[in-house]
Amino acid sequence: MLPLQVIDSFLLNYNVGQALLLVFVLATVGALPLKSRRILAANVTVFGLVFVMTPQSLAPLHYLFLGIVLLVVGPVLWVTAER
């Protein structure tokens, strides 16, 4: 099998919401060593927007609710961050 076929056969078992959630977790873990709450807040807000704007035909409904929660938590983190 070619490498792309291996990746494709692996990704066929998951939906777009699960892939986005994995990318969100990896981006959050990658932003933690920077110790900046503003960067973390921007990350949370952007992924909240991505989850909300993902079509429901590609991801289950609970990812929409996750996006709404992230859109609320992100600005709260931004406002409470020190300059």
PDB file of N, CA and C in Angstrom:
ATOM      1  N   MET A   1       0.831  -1.189   0.000  1.00  0.00           N
ATOM      2  CA  MET A   1       0.000   0.000   0.000  1.00  0.00           C
ATOM      3  C   MET A   1       0.872   1.247   0.000  1.00  0.00           C
ATOM      4  N   LEU A   2       0.419   2.223  -0.716  1.00  0.00           N
ATOM      5  CA  LEU A   2       1.094   3.516  -0.711  1.00  0.00           C
ATOM      6  C   LEU A   2       0.785   4.245   0.584  1.00  0.00           C
ATOM      7  N   PRO A   3       1.659   5.152   1.023  1.00  0.00           N
ATOM      8  CA  PRO A   3       1.416   5.866   2.290  1.00  0.00           C
ATOM      9  C   PRO A   3       0.084   6.612   2.310  1.00  0.00           C
ATOM     10  N   LEU A   4      -0.317   7.204   1.192  1.00  0.00           N
ATOM     11  CA  LEU A   4      -1.596   7.924   1.172  1.00  0.00           C
ATOM     12  C   LEU A   4      -2.780   6.982   1.324  1.00  0.00           C
ATOM     13  N   GLN A   5      -2.655   5.774   0.805  1.00  0.00           N
ATOM     14  CA  GLN A   5      -3.727   4.805   0.965  1.00  0.00           C
ATOM     15  C   GLN A   5      -3.854   4.362   2.419  1.00  0.00           C
ATOM     16  N   VAL A   6      -2.742   4.266   3.107  1.00  0.00           N
ATOM     17  CA  VAL A   6      -2.768   3.902   4.528  1.00  0.00           C
ATOM     18  C   VAL A   6      -3.447   4.999   5.330  1.00  0.00           C
ATOM     19  N   ILE A   7      -3.092   6.251   5.063  1.00  0.00           N
ATOM     20  CA  ILE A   7      -3.700   7.385   5.761  1.00  0.00           C
ATOM     21  C   ILE A   7      -5.189   7.459   5.450  1.00  0.00           C
ATOM     22  N   ASP A   8      -5.545   7.253   4.195  1.00  0.00           N
ATOM     23  CA  ASP A   8      -6.949   7.313   3.801  1.00  0.00           C
ATOM     24  C   ASP A   8      -7.758   6.200   4.457  1.00  0.00           C
ATOM     25  N   SER A   9      -7.227   5.001   4.494  1.00  0.00           N
ATOM     26  CA  SER A   9      -7.962   3.898   5.131  1.00  0.00           C
ATOM     27  C   SER A   9      -8.097   4.122   6.633  1.00  0.00           C
ATOM     28  N   PHE A  10      -7.115   4.807   7.249  1.00  0.00           N
ATOM     29  CA  PHE A  10      -7.206   5.131   8.668  1.00  0.00           C
ATOM     30  C   PHE A  10      -8.267   6.201   8.920  1.00  0.00           C
ATOM     31  N   LEU A  11      -8.284   7.242   8.085  1.00  0.00           N
ATOM     32  CA  LEU A  11      -9.206   8.361   8.291  1.00  0.00           C
ATOM     33  C   LEU A  11     -10.647   8.027   7.942  1.00  0.00           C
ATOM     34  N   LEU A  12     -10.878   6.991   7.160  1.00  0.00           N
ATOM     35  CA  LEU A  12     -12.249   6.622   6.815  1.00  0.00           C
ATOM     36  C   LEU A  12     -13.045   6.160   8.025  1.00  0.00           C
ATOM     37  N   ASN A  13     -12.361   5.760   9.086  1.00  0.00           N
ATOM     38  CA  ASN A  13     -13.039   5.294  10.298  1.00  0.00           C
ATOM     39  C   ASN A  13     -13.517   6.439  11.188  1.00  0.00           C
ATOM     40  N   TYR A  14     -13.168   7.669  10.861  1.00  0.00           N
ATOM     41  CA  TYR A  14     -13.497   8.814  11.718  1.00  0.00           C
ATOM     42  C   TYR A  14     -14.233   9.876  10.914  1.00  0.00           C
ATOM     43  N   ASN A  15     -15.006  10.719  11.630  1.00  0.00           N
ATOM     44  CA  ASN A  15     -15.693  11.812  10.945  1.00  0.00           C
ATOM     45  C   ASN A  15     -14.878  13.108  11.093  1.00  0.00           C
ATOM     46  N   VAL A  16     -15.355  14.146  10.444  1.00  0.00           N
ATOM     47  CA  VAL A  16     -14.635  15.421  10.439  1.00  0.00           C
ATOM     48  C   VAL A  16     -14.568  16.015  11.848  1.00  0.00           C
ATOM     49  N   GLY A  17     -15.607  15.850  12.627  1.00  0.00           N
ATOM     50  CA  GLY A  17     -15.615  16.380  13.988  1.00  0.00           C
ATOM     51  C   GLY A  17     -14.516  15.775  14.846  1.00  0.00           C
ATOM     52  N   GLN A  18     -14.303  14.485  14.711  1.00  0.00           N
ATOM     53  CA  GLN A  18     -13.248  13.833  15.480  1.00  0.00           C
ATOM     54  C   GLN A  18     -11.868  14.301  15.036  1.00  0.00           C
ATOM     55  N   ALA A  19     -11.694  14.491  13.741  1.00  0.00           N
ATOM     56  CA  ALA A  19     -10.411  14.990  13.237  1.00  0.00           C
ATOM     57  C   ALA A  19     -10.160  16.417  13.722  1.00  0.00           C
ATOM     58  N   LEU A  20     -11.201  17.266  13.705  1.00  0.00           N
ATOM     59  CA  LEU A  20     -11.054  18.632  14.201  1.00  0.00           C
ATOM     60  C   LEU A  20     -10.758  18.650  15.697  1.00  0.00           C
ATOM     61  N   LEU A  21     -11.389  17.757  16.429  1.00  0.00           N
ATOM     62  CA  LEU A  21     -11.137  17.679  17.865  1.00  0.00           C
ATOM     63  C   LEU A  21      -9.690  17.289  18.138  1.00  0.00           C
ATOM     64  N   LEU A  22      -9.155  16.361  17.361  1.00  0.00           N
ATOM     65  CA  LEU A  22      -7.751  15.976  17.517  1.00  0.00           C
ATOM     66  C   LEU A  22      -6.821  17.148  17.218  1.00  0.00           C
ATOM     67  N   VAL A  23      -7.117  17.890  16.153  1.00  0.00           N
ATOM     68  CA  VAL A  23      -6.290  19.055  15.809  1.00  0.00           C
ATOM     69  C   VAL A  23      -6.397  20.125  16.898  1.00  0.00           C
ATOM     70  N   PHE A  24      -7.599  20.310  17.461  1.00  0.00           N
ATOM     71  CA  PHE A  24      -7.782  21.276  18.545  1.00  0.00           C
ATOM     72  C   PHE A  24      -6.955  20.892  19.773  1.00  0.00           C
ATOM     73  N   VAL A  25      -6.988  19.633  20.147  1.00  0.00           N
ATOM     74  CA  VAL A  25      -6.222  19.177  21.309  1.00  0.00           C
ATOM     75  C   VAL A  25      -4.725  19.348  21.057  1.00  0.00           C
ATOM     76  N   LEU A  26      -4.263  18.991  19.873  1.00  0.00           N
ATOM     77  CA  LEU A  26      -2.840  19.138  19.556  1.00  0.00           C
ATOM     78  C   LEU A  26      -2.419  20.606  19.540  1.00  0.00           C
ATOM     79  N   ALA A  27      -3.263  21.480  19.005  1.00  0.00           N
ATOM     80  CA  ALA A  27      -2.938  22.908  18.982  1.00  0.00           C
ATOM     81  C   ALA A  27      -2.932  23.491  20.395  1.00  0.00           C
ATOM     82  N   THR A  28      -3.837  23.038  21.232  1.00  0.00           N
ATOM     83  CA  THR A  28      -3.876  23.521  22.611  1.00  0.00           C
ATOM     84  C   THR A  28      -2.651  23.056  23.384  1.00  0.00           C
ATOM     85  N   VAL A  29      -2.288  21.796  23.221  1.00  0.00           N
ATOM     86  CA  VAL A  29      -1.095  21.286  23.888  1.00  0.00           C
ATOM     87  C   VAL A  29       0.153  22.005  23.364  1.00  0.00           C
ATOM     88  N   GLY A  30       0.174  22.329  22.084  1.00  0.00           N
ATOM     89  CA  GLY A  30       1.293  23.061  21.513  1.00  0.00           C
ATOM     90  C   GLY A  30       1.376  24.493  21.995  1.00  0.00           C
ATOM     91  N   ALA A  31       0.245  25.083  22.369  1.00  0.00           N
ATOM     92  CA  ALA A  31       0.243  26.468  22.841  1.00  0.00           C
ATOM     93  C   ALA A  31       0.537  26.582  24.334  1.00  0.00           C
ATOM     94  N   LEU A  32       0.394  25.505  25.076  1.00  0.00           N
ATOM     95  CA  LEU A  32       0.612  25.565  26.527  1.00  0.00           C
ATOM     96  C   LEU A  32       2.040  25.961  26.924  1.00  0.00           C
ATOM     97  N   PRO A  33       3.088  25.477  26.259  1.00  0.00           N
ATOM     98  CA  PRO A  33       4.441  25.893  26.680  1.00  0.00           C
ATOM     99  C   PRO A  33       4.712  27.386  26.498  1.00  0.00           C
ATOM    100  N   LEU A  34       3.910  28.069  25.692  1.00  0.00           N
ATOM    101  CA  LEU A  34       4.110  29.505  25.496  1.00  0.00           C
ATOM    102  C   LEU A  34       3.671  30.314  26.707  1.00  0.00           C
ATOM    103  N   LYS A  35       2.848  29.710  27.569  1.00  0.00           N
ATOM    104  CA  LYS A  35       2.364  30.332  28.805  1.00  0.00           C
ATOM    105  C   LYS A  35       1.686  31.672  28.553  1.00  0.00           C
ATOM    106  N   SER A  36       0.938  31.743  27.470  1.00  0.00           N
ATOM    107  CA  SER A  36       0.197  32.953  27.141  1.00  0.00           C
ATOM    108  C   SER A  36      -1.289  32.607  27.098  1.00  0.00           C
ATOM    109  N   ARG A  37      -2.030  33.224  27.994  1.00  0.00           N
ATOM    110  CA  ARG A  37      -3.456  32.960  28.021  1.00  0.00           C
ATOM    111  C   ARG A  37      -4.151  33.578  26.810  1.00  0.00           C
ATOM    112  N   ARG A  38      -3.578  34.631  26.258  1.00  0.00           N
ATOM    113  CA  ARG A  38      -4.167  35.256  25.066  1.00  0.00           C
ATOM    114  C   ARG A  38      -4.077  34.330  23.856  1.00  0.00           C
ATOM    115  N   ILE A  39      -2.952  33.665  23.684  1.00  0.00           N
ATOM    116  CA  ILE A  39      -2.823  32.723  22.577  1.00  0.00           C
ATOM    117  C   ILE A  39      -3.773  31.551  22.772  1.00  0.00           C
ATOM    118  N   LEU A  40      -3.886  31.076  23.991  1.00  0.00           N
ATOM    119  CA  LEU A  40      -4.822  29.994  24.286  1.00  0.00           C
ATOM    120  C   LEU A  40      -6.260  30.435  24.023  1.00  0.00           C
ATOM    121  N   ALA A  41      -6.591  31.663  24.391  1.00  0.00           N
ATOM    122  CA  ALA A  41      -7.933  32.191  24.155  1.00  0.00           C
ATOM    123  C   ALA A  41      -8.213  32.323  22.664  1.00  0.00           C
ATOM    124  N   ALA A  42      -7.233  32.783  21.903  1.00  0.00           N
ATOM    125  CA  ALA A  42      -7.415  32.888  20.455  1.00  0.00           C
ATOM    126  C   ALA A  42      -7.602  31.509  19.836  1.00  0.00           C
ATOM    127  N   ASN A  43      -6.840  30.538  20.305  1.00  0.00           N
ATOM    128  CA  ASN A  43      -6.960  29.163  19.823  1.00  0.00           C
ATOM    129  C   ASN A  43      -8.357  28.610  20.106  1.00  0.00           C
ATOM    130  N   VAL A  44      -8.830  28.801  21.324  1.00  0.00           N
ATOM    131  CA  VAL A  44     -10.150  28.298  21.714  1.00  0.00           C
ATOM    132  C   VAL A  44     -11.242  28.978  20.892  1.00  0.00           C
ATOM    133  N   THR A  45     -11.143  30.277  20.699  1.00  0.00           N
ATOM    134  CA  THR A  45     -12.157  31.009  19.938  1.00  0.00           C
ATOM    135  C   THR A  45     -12.184  30.584  18.474  1.00  0.00           C
ATOM    136  N   VAL A  46     -11.013  30.452  17.876  1.00  0.00           N
ATOM    137  CA  VAL A  46     -10.954  30.061  16.463  1.00  0.00           C
ATOM    138  C   VAL A  46     -11.518  28.657  16.270  1.00  0.00           C
ATOM    139  N   PHE A  47     -11.163  27.737  17.133  1.00  0.00           N
ATOM    140  CA  PHE A  47     -11.697  26.391  16.985  1.00  0.00           C
ATOM    141  C   PHE A  47     -13.189  26.344  17.319  1.00  0.00           C
ATOM    142  N   GLY A  48     -13.655  27.196  18.215  1.00  0.00           N
ATOM    143  CA  GLY A  48     -15.096  27.289  18.434  1.00  0.00           C
ATOM    144  C   GLY A  48     -15.818  27.711  17.178  1.00  0.00           C
ATOM    145  N   LEU A  49     -15.253  28.686  16.479  1.00  0.00           N
ATOM    146  CA  LEU A  49     -15.834  29.123  15.215  1.00  0.00           C
ATOM    147  C   LEU A  49     -15.801  28.011  14.174  1.00  0.00           C
ATOM    148  N   VAL A  50     -14.703  27.275  14.118  1.00  0.00           N
ATOM    149  CA  VAL A  50     -14.589  26.166  13.156  1.00  0.00           C
ATOM    150  C   VAL A  50     -15.620  25.093  13.456  1.00  0.00           C
ATOM    151  N   PHE A  51     -15.796  24.744  14.734  1.00  0.00           N
ATOM    152  CA  PHE A  51     -16.785  23.729  15.089  1.00  0.00           C
ATOM    153  C   PHE A  51     -18.205  24.195  14.774  1.00  0.00           C
ATOM    154  N   VAL A  52     -18.491  25.461  15.001  1.00  0.00           N
ATOM    155  CA  VAL A  52     -19.837  25.975  14.719  1.00  0.00           C
ATOM    156  C   VAL A  52     -20.102  26.010  13.216  1.00  0.00           C
ATOM    157  N   MET A  53     -19.091  26.344  12.431  1.00  0.00           N
ATOM    158  CA  MET A  53     -19.284  26.493  10.992  1.00  0.00           C
ATOM    159  C   MET A  53     -19.157  25.178  10.214  1.00  0.00           C
ATOM    160  N   THR A  54     -18.778  24.095  10.869  1.00  0.00           N
ATOM    161  CA  THR A  54     -18.685  22.801  10.204  1.00  0.00           C
ATOM    162  C   THR A  54     -20.096  22.316   9.853  1.00  0.00           C
ATOM    163  N   PRO A  55     -20.325  21.934   8.603  1.00  0.00           N
ATOM    164  CA  PRO A  55     -21.667  21.457   8.216  1.00  0.00           C
ATOM    165  C   PRO A  55     -22.085  20.229   9.021  1.00  0.00           C
ATOM    166  N   GLN A  56     -23.351  20.168   9.359  1.00  0.00           N
ATOM    167  CA  GLN A  56     -23.855  19.064  10.165  1.00  0.00           C
ATOM    168  C   GLN A  56     -23.849  17.740   9.415  1.00  0.00           C
ATOM    169  N   SER A  57     -23.732  17.793   8.103  1.00  0.00           N
ATOM    170  CA  SER A  57     -23.656  16.545   7.343  1.00  0.00           C
ATOM    171  C   SER A  57     -22.281  15.883   7.501  1.00  0.00           C
ATOM    172  N   LEU A  58     -21.292  16.630   7.968  1.00  0.00           N
ATOM    173  CA  LEU A  58     -19.941  16.090   8.134  1.00  0.00           C
ATOM    174  C   LEU A  58     -19.611  15.724   9.573  1.00  0.00           C
ATOM    175  N   ALA A  59     -20.292  16.332  10.534  1.00  0.00           N
ATOM    176  CA  ALA A  59     -19.992  16.092  11.943  1.00  0.00           C
ATOM    177  C   ALA A  59     -21.299  16.007  12.725  1.00  0.00           C
ATOM    178  N   PRO A  60     -21.343  15.172  13.768  1.00  0.00           N
ATOM    179  CA  PRO A  60     -22.559  15.077  14.587  1.00  0.00           C
ATOM    180  C   PRO A  60     -22.888  16.395  15.297  1.00  0.00           C
ATOM    181  N   LEU A  61     -24.084  16.459  15.823  1.00  0.00           N
ATOM    182  CA  LEU A  61     -24.607  17.680  16.431  1.00  0.00           C
ATOM    183  C   LEU A  61     -23.821  18.110  17.669  1.00  0.00           C
ATOM    184  N   HIS A  62     -23.264  17.169  18.418  1.00  0.00           N
ATOM    185  CA  HIS A  62     -22.589  17.553  19.661  1.00  0.00           C
ATOM    186  C   HIS A  62     -21.326  18.374  19.406  1.00  0.00           C
ATOM    187  N   TYR A  63     -20.767  18.324  18.211  1.00  0.00           N
ATOM    188  CA  TYR A  63     -19.624  19.188  17.908  1.00  0.00           C
ATOM    189  C   TYR A  63     -20.069  20.641  17.739  1.00  0.00           C
ATOM    190  N   LEU A  64     -21.308  20.858  17.328  1.00  0.00           N
ATOM    191  CA  LEU A  64     -21.859  22.216  17.277  1.00  0.00           C
ATOM    192  C   LEU A  64     -21.947  22.793  18.689  1.00  0.00           C
ATOM    193  N   PHE A  65     -22.421  21.987  19.631  1.00  0.00           N
ATOM    194  CA  PHE A  65     -22.514  22.452  21.012  1.00  0.00           C
ATOM    195  C   PHE A  65     -21.131  22.699  21.611  1.00  0.00           C
ATOM    196  N   LEU A  66     -20.157  21.866  21.255  1.00  0.00           N
ATOM    197  CA  LEU A  66     -18.785  22.103  21.696  1.00  0.00           C
ATOM    198  C   LEU A  66     -18.290  23.436  21.158  1.00  0.00           C
ATOM    199  N   GLY A  67     -18.609  23.743  19.905  1.00  0.00           N
ATOM    200  CA  GLY A  67     -18.211  25.014  19.314  1.00  0.00           C
ATOM    201  C   GLY A  67     -18.837  26.197  20.026  1.00  0.00           C
ATOM    202  N   ILE A  68     -20.095  26.077  20.410  1.00  0.00           N
ATOM    203  CA  ILE A  68     -20.763  27.159  21.134  1.00  0.00           C
ATOM    204  C   ILE A  68     -20.104  27.383  22.488  1.00  0.00           C
ATOM    205  N   VAL A  69     -19.778  26.298  23.182  1.00  0.00           N
ATOM    206  CA  VAL A  69     -19.104  26.416  24.478  1.00  0.00           C
ATOM    207  C   VAL A  69     -17.730  27.067  24.306  1.00  0.00           C
ATOM    208  N   LEU A  70     -16.992  26.662  23.270  1.00  0.00           N
ATOM    209  CA  LEU A  70     -15.675  27.251  23.042  1.00  0.00           C
ATOM    210  C   LEU A  70     -15.790  28.731  22.682  1.00  0.00           C
ATOM    211  N   LEU A  71     -16.858  29.107  21.971  1.00  0.00           N
ATOM    212  CA  LEU A  71     -17.060  30.522  21.641  1.00  0.00           C
ATOM    213  C   LEU A  71     -17.399  31.357  22.873  1.00  0.00           C
ATOM    214  N   VAL A  72     -17.894  30.736  23.918  1.00  0.00           N
ATOM    215  CA  VAL A  72     -18.147  31.457  25.167  1.00  0.00           C
ATOM    216  C   VAL A  72     -16.885  31.502  26.026  1.00  0.00           C
ATOM    217  N   VAL A  73     -16.171  30.386  26.093  1.00  0.00           N
ATOM    218  CA  VAL A  73     -14.986  30.294  26.948  1.00  0.00           C
ATOM    219  C   VAL A  73     -13.826  31.118  26.402  1.00  0.00           C
ATOM    220  N   GLY A  74     -13.652  31.158  25.093  1.00  0.00           N
ATOM    221  CA  GLY A  74     -12.537  31.876  24.483  1.00  0.00           C
ATOM    222  C   GLY A  74     -12.480  33.347  24.848  1.00  0.00           C
ATOM    223  N   PRO A  75     -13.556  34.115  24.638  1.00  0.00           N
ATOM    224  CA  PRO A  75     -13.513  35.528  25.040  1.00  0.00           C
ATOM    225  C   PRO A  75     -13.356  35.739  26.544  1.00  0.00           C
ATOM    226  N   VAL A  76     -13.877  34.817  27.345  1.00  0.00           N
ATOM    227  CA  VAL A  76     -13.696  34.932  28.798  1.00  0.00           C
ATOM    228  C   VAL A  76     -12.214  34.781  29.143  1.00  0.00           C
ATOM    229  N   LEU A  77     -11.540  33.827  28.506  1.00  0.00           N
ATOM    230  CA  LEU A  77     -10.093  33.681  28.716  1.00  0.00           C
ATOM    231  C   LEU A  77      -9.341  34.925  28.249  1.00  0.00           C
ATOM    232  N   TRP A  78      -9.779  35.494  27.139  1.00  0.00           N
ATOM    233  CA  TRP A  78      -9.105  36.690  26.595  1.00  0.00           C
ATOM    234  C   TRP A  78      -9.210  37.866  27.576  1.00  0.00           C
ATOM    235  N   VAL A  79     -10.410  38.069  28.117  1.00  0.00           N
ATOM    236  CA  VAL A  79     -10.640  39.213  29.008  1.00  0.00           C
ATOM    237  C   VAL A  79      -9.903  39.025  30.324  1.00  0.00           C
ATOM    238  N   THR A  80      -9.818  37.802  30.810  1.00  0.00           N
ATOM    239  CA  THR A  80      -9.165  37.573  32.102  1.00  0.00           C
ATOM    240  C   THR A  80      -7.643  37.451  31.981  1.00  0.00           C
ATOM    241  N   ALA A  81      -7.114  37.455  30.776  1.00  0.00           N
ATOM    242  CA  ALA A  81      -5.661  37.349  30.598  1.00  0.00           C
ATOM    243  C   ALA A  81      -4.984  38.653  30.978  1.00  0.00           C
ATOM    244  N   GLU A  82      -3.814  38.507  31.547  1.00  0.00           N
ATOM    245  CA  GLU A  82      -3.028  39.699  31.881  1.00  0.00           C
ATOM    246  C   GLU A  82      -2.295  40.176  30.634  1.00  0.00           C
ATOM    247  N   ARG A  83      -2.073  41.452  30.562  1.00  0.00           N
ATOM    248  CA  ARG A  83      -1.404  42.008  29.367  1.00  0.00           C
ATOM    249  C   ARG A  83       0.047  41.822  29.423  1.00  0.00           C
TER     250      ARG A  83
END
